Amino acid sequence: MEEPASSARARSASSSSFTSWRTSRRWHSVCSVQTCSSSHIQTICTLKLED
């Protein structure tokens, strides 16, 4: 199975935590925003697959 990380990161960037699209299984996306610099913001998104 392929992981749509590119589209997932783009959507999670705007939302702190949200439920992704529904397929045969439930995809739960948790996004954490960490401030490294005043101008640079890093967004870490973790995709978990729930059966």
N, C-alpha and C. Protein backbone atom coordinates (compact mmCIF):
# COMPACT_ATOMS: atom_id res chain seq x y z
N MET A 1 0.84 -1.20 0.00
CA MET A 1 0.00 0.00 0.00
C MET A 1 0.88 1.26 0.00
N GLU A 2 0.46 2.24 -0.75
CA GLU A 2 1.24 3.47 -0.84
C GLU A 2 0.74 4.51 0.16
N GLU A 3 1.65 5.27 0.67
CA GLU A 3 1.29 6.31 1.65
C GLU A 3 1.34 7.69 1.02
N PRO A 4 0.20 8.33 0.90
CA PRO A 4 0.15 9.69 0.33
C PRO A 4 0.71 10.71 1.31
N ALA A 5 2.02 10.69 1.49
CA ALA A 5 2.66 11.56 2.48
C ALA A 5 2.66 13.02 2.02
N SER A 6 2.82 13.20 0.72
CA SER A 6 2.88 14.57 0.19
C SER A 6 1.57 15.31 0.41
N SER A 7 0.46 14.66 0.08
CA SER A 7 -0.84 15.30 0.25
C SER A 7 -1.22 15.38 1.72
N ALA A 8 -0.78 14.38 2.48
CA ALA A 8 -1.09 14.35 3.91
C ALA A 8 -0.38 15.48 4.64
N ARG A 9 0.88 15.70 4.30
CA ARG A 9 1.64 16.77 4.97
C ARG A 9 1.08 18.14 4.62
N ALA A 10 0.63 18.27 3.38
CA ALA A 10 0.10 19.56 2.93
C ALA A 10 -1.17 19.90 3.70
N ARG A 11 -2.01 18.88 3.91
CA ARG A 11 -3.27 19.13 4.61
C ARG A 11 -3.04 19.28 6.11
N SER A 12 -2.11 18.51 6.66
CA SER A 12 -1.86 18.58 8.10
C SER A 12 -1.16 19.87 8.47
N ALA A 13 -0.54 20.51 7.50
CA ALA A 13 0.19 21.74 7.78
C ALA A 13 -0.76 22.83 8.28
N SER A 14 -1.98 22.81 7.74
CA SER A 14 -2.95 23.83 8.14
C SER A 14 -3.69 23.43 9.41
N SER A 15 -3.86 22.14 9.61
CA SER A 15 -4.58 21.67 10.80
C SER A 15 -3.62 21.01 11.78
N SER A 16 -3.84 21.25 13.06
CA SER A 16 -2.95 20.68 14.08
C SER A 16 -3.18 19.18 14.18
N SER A 17 -4.44 18.78 14.19
CA SER A 17 -4.76 17.35 14.25
C SER A 17 -6.11 17.12 13.60
N PHE A 18 -6.17 16.21 12.67
CA PHE A 18 -7.43 15.95 11.99
C PHE A 18 -7.49 14.51 11.50
N THR A 19 -8.69 14.08 11.16
CA THR A 19 -8.87 12.72 10.66
C THR A 19 -8.80 12.72 9.14
N SER A 20 -7.95 11.91 8.61
CA SER A 20 -7.74 11.88 7.16
C SER A 20 -8.90 11.21 6.43
N TRP A 21 -8.69 11.02 5.15
CA TRP A 21 -9.68 10.40 4.29
C TRP A 21 -10.03 8.99 4.76
N ARG A 22 -11.19 8.52 4.35
CA ARG A 22 -11.60 7.16 4.75
C ARG A 22 -11.46 6.22 3.56
N THR A 23 -10.71 5.17 3.76
CA THR A 23 -10.56 4.16 2.71
C THR A 23 -11.10 2.86 3.28
N SER A 24 -10.50 1.75 2.93
CA SER A 24 -10.91 0.48 3.52
C SER A 24 -10.50 0.45 4.98
N ARG A 25 -9.47 1.24 5.31
CA ARG A 25 -9.01 1.34 6.69
C ARG A 25 -9.00 2.80 7.13
N ARG A 26 -8.89 3.03 8.42
CA ARG A 26 -8.90 4.41 8.92
C ARG A 26 -7.48 4.95 9.06
N TRP A 27 -7.23 6.09 8.43
CA TRP A 27 -5.92 6.72 8.52
C TRP A 27 -5.98 7.86 9.51
N HIS A 28 -5.19 7.77 10.56
CA HIS A 28 -5.17 8.84 11.56
C HIS A 28 -3.89 9.64 11.44
N SER A 29 -4.03 10.93 11.26
CA SER A 29 -2.85 11.78 11.07
C SER A 29 -2.66 12.73 12.25
N VAL A 30 -1.49 12.65 12.87
CA VAL A 30 -1.18 13.54 13.98
C VAL A 30 -0.07 14.50 13.57
N CYS A 31 -0.37 15.78 13.62
CA CYS A 31 0.61 16.77 13.18
C CYS A 31 1.12 17.60 14.35
N SER A 32 2.44 17.72 14.47
CA SER A 32 3.04 18.52 15.54
C SER A 32 3.89 19.64 14.95
N VAL A 33 3.64 20.85 15.38
CA VAL A 33 4.39 22.00 14.86
C VAL A 33 5.42 22.47 15.88
N GLN A 34 6.68 22.45 15.47
CA GLN A 34 7.75 22.89 16.37
C GLN A 34 8.41 24.15 15.81
N THR A 35 8.63 25.12 16.67
CA THR A 35 9.24 26.37 16.22
C THR A 35 10.75 26.33 16.45
N CYS A 36 11.48 26.17 15.36
CA CYS A 36 12.95 26.13 15.45
C CYS A 36 13.50 27.54 15.48
N SER A 37 13.10 28.35 14.51
CA SER A 37 13.55 29.74 14.46
C SER A 37 12.34 30.66 14.31
N SER A 38 12.57 31.93 14.40
CA SER A 38 11.47 32.89 14.28
C SER A 38 10.90 32.88 12.86
N SER A 39 11.73 32.53 11.90
CA SER A 39 11.30 32.52 10.50
C SER A 39 11.10 31.10 9.97
N HIS A 40 11.74 30.14 10.62
CA HIS A 40 11.63 28.76 10.16
C HIS A 40 10.72 27.94 11.06
N ILE A 41 9.74 27.31 10.47
CA ILE A 41 8.82 26.46 11.24
C ILE A 41 8.84 25.05 10.66
N GLN A 42 9.10 24.07 11.50
CA GLN A 42 9.14 22.68 11.05
C GLN A 42 7.83 21.98 11.41
N THR A 43 7.27 21.26 10.45
CA THR A 43 6.04 20.53 10.69
C THR A 43 6.29 19.04 10.61
N ILE A 44 6.05 18.34 11.71
CA ILE A 44 6.27 16.89 11.74
C ILE A 44 4.92 16.18 11.75
N CYS A 45 4.70 15.37 10.73
CA CYS A 45 3.43 14.65 10.63
C CYS A 45 3.66 13.15 10.75
N THR A 46 2.91 12.51 11.62
CA THR A 46 3.03 11.06 11.79
C THR A 46 1.74 10.38 11.36
N LEU A 47 1.87 9.46 10.41
CA LEU A 47 0.69 8.75 9.93
C LEU A 47 0.58 7.39 10.59
N LYS A 48 -0.57 7.13 11.20
CA LYS A 48 -0.77 5.84 11.85
C LYS A 48 -1.95 5.12 11.21
N LEU A 49 -1.78 3.85 10.99
CA LEU A 49 -2.84 3.06 10.38
C LEU A 49 -3.60 2.27 11.43
N GLU A 50 -4.90 2.56 11.53
CA GLU A 50 -5.72 1.84 12.51
C GLU A 50 -6.58 0.82 11.80
N ASP A 51 -6.49 -0.43 12.27
CA ASP A 51 -7.29 -1.49 11.66
C ASP A 51 -8.69 -1.49 12.25
